[in-house]
Protein backbone atom coordinates (compact mmCIF):
# COMPACT_ATOMS: atom_id res chain seq x y z
CA MET A 1 135.84 205.70 147.15
CA ALA A 2 137.73 203.34 145.76
CA ALA A 3 140.78 204.01 144.10
CA ILE A 4 140.59 202.52 139.55
CA VAL A 5 143.34 202.70 137.69
CA ALA A 6 143.01 202.19 134.29
CA VAL A 7 145.30 199.10 132.90
CA GLY A 8 145.64 199.38 128.64
CA LEU A 9 142.80 199.91 126.25
CA SER A 10 140.57 197.93 128.12
CA ALA A 11 140.86 196.33 131.14
CA PHE A 12 141.17 198.08 135.21
CA ILE A 13 142.08 196.96 138.66
CA SER A 14 139.96 197.88 141.23
CA ILE A 15 141.34 198.35 144.42
CA LEU A 16 138.72 198.13 147.29
CA PRO A 17 138.92 198.18 150.97
CA GLY A 18 138.03 194.32 152.87
CA PRO A 19 138.52 192.65 156.02
CA ALA A 20 141.74 191.98 157.71
CA GLY A 21 144.06 193.69 155.91
CA ILE A 22 143.04 192.32 152.59
CA ASP A 23 142.11 194.61 149.43
CA THR A 24 139.89 192.80 146.48
CA LEU A 25 141.28 193.21 143.22
CA PHE A 26 139.20 193.31 140.08
CA ALA A 27 140.65 193.23 136.53
CA GLU A 28 138.79 193.46 133.50
CA GLN A 29 139.37 190.25 130.44
CA GLY A 30 136.65 191.95 128.62
CA PHE A 31 132.78 191.33 127.64
CA PHE A 32 130.95 189.00 125.37
CA GLY A 33 127.16 187.90 124.32
CA VAL A 34 125.15 190.15 122.38
CA PHE A 35 121.11 190.54 124.01
CA GLY A 36 117.76 192.02 123.55
CA ASN A 37 117.15 192.18 127.39
CA ALA A 38 119.34 190.02 128.85
CA SER A 39 117.79 189.34 132.71
CA ARG A 40 120.03 186.67 134.34
CA ILE A 41 123.18 185.08 134.70
CA SER A 42 124.07 181.82 136.33
CA ILE A 43 126.55 179.42 135.82
CA ASP A 44 126.70 175.32 136.96
CA VAL A 45 129.25 173.64 138.36
CA SER A 46 131.24 173.20 134.84
CA GLY A 47 131.86 176.37 133.61
CA GLN A 48 128.60 176.71 131.61
CA ILE A 49 126.71 180.41 131.29
CA TYR A 50 123.41 180.25 131.00
CA VAL A 51 121.72 183.98 130.64
CA LEU A 52 118.18 185.02 129.86
CA ASP A 53 116.59 187.30 127.23
CA GLY A 54 113.03 189.01 128.41
CA ASP A 55 112.66 190.25 124.83
CA ARG A 56 113.54 187.51 122.70
CA HIS A 57 112.45 184.76 125.45
CA THR A 58 115.13 182.97 125.69
CA VAL A 59 117.89 180.91 127.11
CA SER A 60 121.11 180.67 125.38
CA ARG A 61 124.12 179.02 127.15
CA PHE A 62 128.10 179.85 126.81
CA GLY A 63 130.35 176.94 126.75
CA ASP A 64 133.87 177.51 127.97
CA THR A 65 134.79 179.43 125.12
CA ARG A 66 131.94 181.30 124.99
CA ALA A 67 132.23 180.81 121.21
CA LYS A 68 130.25 178.02 121.41
CA THR A 69 126.32 178.91 122.12
CA GLN A 70 123.31 176.89 122.37
CA THR A 71 119.91 178.69 122.65
CA ILE A 72 116.44 177.65 122.88
CA GLY A 73 113.29 179.35 123.41
CA GLY A 74 111.59 181.79 121.82
CA PHE A 75 107.75 182.99 122.57
CA GLY A 76 105.15 180.51 123.40
CA TRP A 77 103.48 177.83 125.15
CA ASP A 78 104.90 174.65 123.93
CA VAL A 79 107.51 172.43 125.43
CA THR A 80 110.73 174.56 123.67
CA THR A 81 109.15 178.18 123.89
CA PHE A 82 108.68 180.53 126.69
CA ASP A 83 106.36 183.23 127.81
CA ARG A 84 108.96 185.51 129.29
CA PRO A 85 111.63 182.83 130.85
CA THR A 86 112.41 184.32 134.61
CA ALA A 87 115.00 182.60 136.06
CA VAL A 88 117.50 179.84 135.21
CA ALA A 89 119.00 177.20 138.10
CA THR A 90 121.16 173.89 137.62
CA ASP A 91 123.08 171.29 139.35
CA GLY A 92 125.04 170.60 136.35
CA LEU A 93 122.80 167.32 135.54
CA ASN A 94 119.25 169.99 135.43
CA VAL A 95 118.70 172.77 133.93
CA TYR A 96 114.99 173.96 134.85
CA VAL A 97 113.77 177.65 134.19
CA SER A 98 111.01 179.29 134.99
CA ASP A 99 108.54 180.69 132.82
CA TYR A 100 106.67 184.08 134.10
CA GLY A 101 103.70 183.95 131.79
CA ASN A 102 102.74 180.25 131.73
CA HIS A 103 102.92 179.83 135.04
CA ARG A 104 105.22 177.22 135.22
CA VAL A 105 109.86 175.70 135.97
CA VAL A 106 110.83 173.65 132.70
CA ARG A 107 112.78 171.41 133.86
CA TYR A 108 115.90 170.56 130.90
CA ASP A 109 118.56 167.84 130.43
CA ARG A 110 121.96 168.99 130.29
CA ASN A 111 121.82 169.31 126.88
CA LEU A 112 119.28 171.16 126.69
CA VAL A 113 116.51 168.50 126.08
CA PHE A 114 112.75 168.48 127.70
CA LEU A 115 112.63 166.53 130.67
CA SER A 116 109.53 167.94 132.30
CA SER A 117 107.34 171.07 133.69
CA LEU A 118 105.83 171.86 136.61
CA ALA A 119 102.56 173.95 137.36
CA THR A 120 100.06 174.04 140.35
CA ARG A 121 98.68 177.26 139.67
CA ASP A 122 95.51 175.49 139.20
CA THR A 123 95.69 172.69 142.16
CA SER A 124 93.23 173.40 144.92
CA PHE A 125 95.68 172.44 147.45
CA VAL A 126 96.80 176.66 148.03
CA PRO A 127 100.28 176.05 149.58
CA ALA A 128 101.72 174.43 146.54
CA GLN A 129 99.96 177.37 143.95
CA PHE A 130 102.39 179.54 142.39
CA GLY A 131 102.04 181.82 139.37
CA TYR A 132 104.19 184.35 137.58
CA PRO A 133 107.49 182.83 138.66
CA LEU A 134 110.13 185.30 139.61
CA GLY A 135 113.34 183.14 140.25
CA LEU A 136 114.74 180.11 141.12
CA ALA A 137 117.54 178.41 143.39
CA LEU A 138 118.45 174.67 143.96
CA SER A 139 119.95 173.67 147.39
CA ARG A 140 122.73 170.81 147.96
CA GLN A 141 119.76 168.04 147.92
CA GLY A 142 117.77 169.03 145.57
CA ASP A 143 115.32 170.75 146.55
CA LEU A 144 113.63 173.20 144.07
CA PHE A 145 112.73 176.67 145.59
CA VAL A 146 110.06 178.59 143.47
CA LEU A 147 109.72 182.44 143.93
CA ASP A 148 105.88 182.48 143.41
CA GLY A 149 105.67 186.51 141.75
CA GLU A 150 101.71 186.05 142.26
CA ASN A 151 100.85 185.00 146.07
CA LEU A 152 104.32 186.51 147.12
CA LYS A 153 105.69 183.84 148.57
CA ILE A 154 108.53 180.33 147.77
CA VAL A 155 107.36 177.06 147.88
CA GLN A 156 109.86 174.32 148.16
CA PHE A 157 109.40 171.15 146.44
CA ASP A 158 111.88 168.36 146.83
CA SER A 159 114.13 166.77 143.81
CA ARG A 160 111.06 164.30 143.00
CA SER A 161 109.43 167.78 141.91
CA GLY A 162 107.18 166.82 145.77
CA PHE A 163 105.48 170.06 147.63
CA VAL A 164 107.14 170.42 150.59
CA ARG A 165 106.76 173.67 151.71
CA SER A 166 105.73 177.70 151.39
CA PHE A 167 106.90 180.21 153.26
CA GLY A 168 107.33 184.41 152.52
CA THR A 169 103.69 184.87 153.63
CA LEU A 170 102.34 187.23 156.45
CA GLU A 171 102.70 183.93 159.15
CA SER A 172 106.79 184.93 158.36
CA GLN A 173 106.15 187.85 160.20
CA GLU A 174 108.99 190.76 159.59
CA GLY A 175 110.06 187.90 156.73
CA ARG A 176 106.31 188.63 154.79
CA LEU A 177 107.99 189.64 151.03
CA HIS A 178 106.66 192.57 149.61
CA GLN A 179 108.47 193.35 146.13
CA PRO A 180 110.19 189.29 145.17
CA ILE A 181 113.08 190.08 142.59
CA GLU A 182 115.42 186.96 142.74
CA ILE A 183 116.02 184.32 145.23
CA ALA A 184 119.63 182.49 145.74
CA VAL A 185 120.29 179.39 148.19
CA THR A 186 123.80 179.38 149.92
CA GLN A 187 125.92 176.85 150.39
CA ASP A 188 124.89 176.44 154.09
CA ASP A 189 121.60 176.56 153.09
CA ARG A 190 120.58 179.53 153.95
CA VAL A 191 117.24 181.11 151.34
CA LEU A 192 118.12 184.10 150.94
CA VAL A 193 115.45 186.69 148.84
CA LEU A 194 116.45 189.89 147.35
CA GLU A 195 113.57 192.31 147.42
CA ALA A 196 114.01 196.13 146.03
CA ASP A 197 115.48 197.68 149.32
CA ARG A 198 116.92 194.45 151.13
CA VAL A 199 117.81 191.08 151.35
CA VAL A 200 115.40 188.72 153.38
CA GLU A 201 117.27 185.29 154.62
CA PHE A 202 115.30 182.41 155.84
CA ASP A 203 116.61 178.67 156.78
CA PHE A 204 116.79 176.00 154.91
CA THR A 205 112.98 175.46 156.65
CA GLY A 206 111.90 178.48 155.95
CA THR A 207 111.94 180.33 159.33
CA TYR A 208 112.60 184.01 158.70
CA LEU A 209 116.44 184.76 160.78
CA ARG A 210 116.84 188.22 159.34
CA SER A 211 116.20 191.24 157.15
CA ILE A 212 119.76 192.48 155.36
CA GLY A 213 121.00 195.67 154.12
CA GLU A 214 117.76 197.98 154.64
CA GLY A 215 119.00 201.75 153.96
CA VAL A 216 122.06 200.67 152.16
CA ILE A 217 120.06 198.71 148.92
CA ARG A 218 118.19 200.50 146.35
CA ASN A 219 116.87 199.21 143.01
CA SER A 220 118.03 196.25 143.33
CA ALA A 221 118.87 193.72 140.39
CA GLY A 222 120.49 191.16 140.60
CA LEU A 223 121.31 188.50 144.11
CA CYS A 224 124.55 185.90 144.39
CA ALA A 225 125.24 183.86 146.61
CA MET A 226 129.30 182.93 147.26
CA GLU A 227 130.84 180.66 149.41
CA LYS A 228 131.67 183.56 152.23
CA GLY A 229 128.40 185.92 151.43
CA PHE A 230 126.67 187.10 148.48
CA LEU A 231 126.43 190.13 145.87
CA VAL A 232 123.91 192.32 145.01
CA ALA A 233 123.43 194.12 141.45
CA ALA A 234 121.67 196.98 141.77
CA ASN A 235 120.82 199.60 138.91
CA ASP A 236 124.15 201.38 138.82
CA THR A 237 126.38 199.65 142.20
CA LEU A 238 127.59 197.06 142.70
CA LEU A 239 127.20 195.57 146.79
CA TRP A 240 129.23 193.00 148.31
CA PHE A 241 127.87 191.55 152.08
CA ASN A 242 130.34 189.61 154.11
CA ASP A 243 129.53 186.21 155.70
CA ASP A 244 128.20 187.85 158.70
CA ARG A 245 125.99 190.22 156.73
CA SER A 246 127.89 193.78 157.29
CA ILE A 247 128.94 195.08 153.79
CA ARG A 248 131.94 194.66 152.53
CA MET A 249 132.22 197.27 149.45
CA ARG A 250 130.01 199.12 147.55
CA ILE A 251 130.96 201.21 143.74
CA ALA A 252 129.41 202.69 141.44
CA ALA A 253 129.32 201.37 138.25
CA SER A 254 130.00 204.84 136.49
CA THR A 255 133.46 204.24 138.70
CA ILE A 256 134.45 202.05 136.70
CA ILE A 257 136.88 201.98 133.49
CA ALA A 258 135.74 199.67 131.31
CA GLU A 259 135.84 198.67 127.68
CA PHE A 260 131.45 199.13 127.62
CA PRO A 261 129.35 200.87 130.30
CA LEU A 262 128.46 198.68 133.57
CA SER A 263 125.31 200.38 134.09
CA PRO A 264 122.13 199.24 134.02
CA LEU A 265 123.26 196.30 136.03
CA ARG A 266 121.09 193.37 135.78
CA ASP A 267 122.91 190.35 137.62
CA VAL A 268 125.94 188.63 138.43
CA ALA A 269 127.38 185.94 139.05
CA VAL A 270 130.82 184.17 140.60
CA TRP A 271 132.70 181.26 139.45
CA LYS A 272 135.99 180.69 140.34
CA ASP A 273 138.02 183.81 140.62
CA GLN A 274 136.40 185.52 137.89
CA LEU A 275 133.38 188.02 138.49
CA PHE A 276 130.48 188.26 136.10
CA LEU A 277 127.96 191.73 135.21
CA LEU A 278 125.27 191.52 133.21
CA THR A 279 124.28 194.28 131.52
CA PRO A 280 120.96 194.41 129.37
CA SER A 281 123.20 194.21 126.00
CA ARG A 282 126.64 191.79 127.19
CA ILE A 283 128.28 190.21 129.94
CA GLY A 284 131.83 191.77 131.34
CA VAL A 285 134.32 189.56 132.99
CA PHE A 286 136.32 190.59 135.78
CA ARG A 287 139.14 188.54 137.59
CA MET A 288 138.85 188.55 140.79
CA GLU A 289 142.06 188.91 143.61
CA ALA A 290 143.57 189.67 147.56
CA ALA A 291 146.11 191.34 147.84
CA ALA A 292 147.12 192.70 151.23
CA ARG A 293 147.35 195.88 152.44
């Protein structure tokens, strides 16, 4: 079990065993946000933080100070409202939001002004169809990956919204999706799909590579790709997988001393040396450090 030492009234340091004689330390920096039922968090290259609130059907963006907040949405079906937003992906210029009940992906500019909408559920070309989208991810080239909750597959579009391919279906064999939850693209263009009890990995062309975390991941909720490895937020546990897909650490949320409870965990994000843990009502921020044992 990780050793945890309380520092002050609202900070903690958690020393977690890492590879090659390195420990990972987390120090609480505080909490922010007030949400009805937050489900997803995403951070762009400039540090802008996007949070989805399922109960309010909104997308909120926090600036660098986290005091200035811009919120769009509310329940509806026009270009300014959502029927349960499920994911947000951004390259710093474009902001994409998957709109579950409206079967679409809505694109905004960096000021959250509507630009376009992508919906293919009614097209006659079956491979391009998606409905009830669960997740979104962007590649370095600007390709958009949509996690199709209706047909249990991934649909890939290029930067001009042109269909590229779909995968994760029966033809993927071991990589066939069963309970997809979230999707991410790594810096080396691997596609990761989080399911309830595993992470499925594909290459950029949709070829199945491997299944990760079976027997370790349970009740998963959120996924975050990092420079080296990825994080999985489960209901009451945070799991860190290394670049070689071995598990680096596992820590129960209940063992973390913090100002507010961290369970249930809904999602996780990393920006520079900061770890963001999303709960239904707020975001906890922690500084990540490394120290030699």
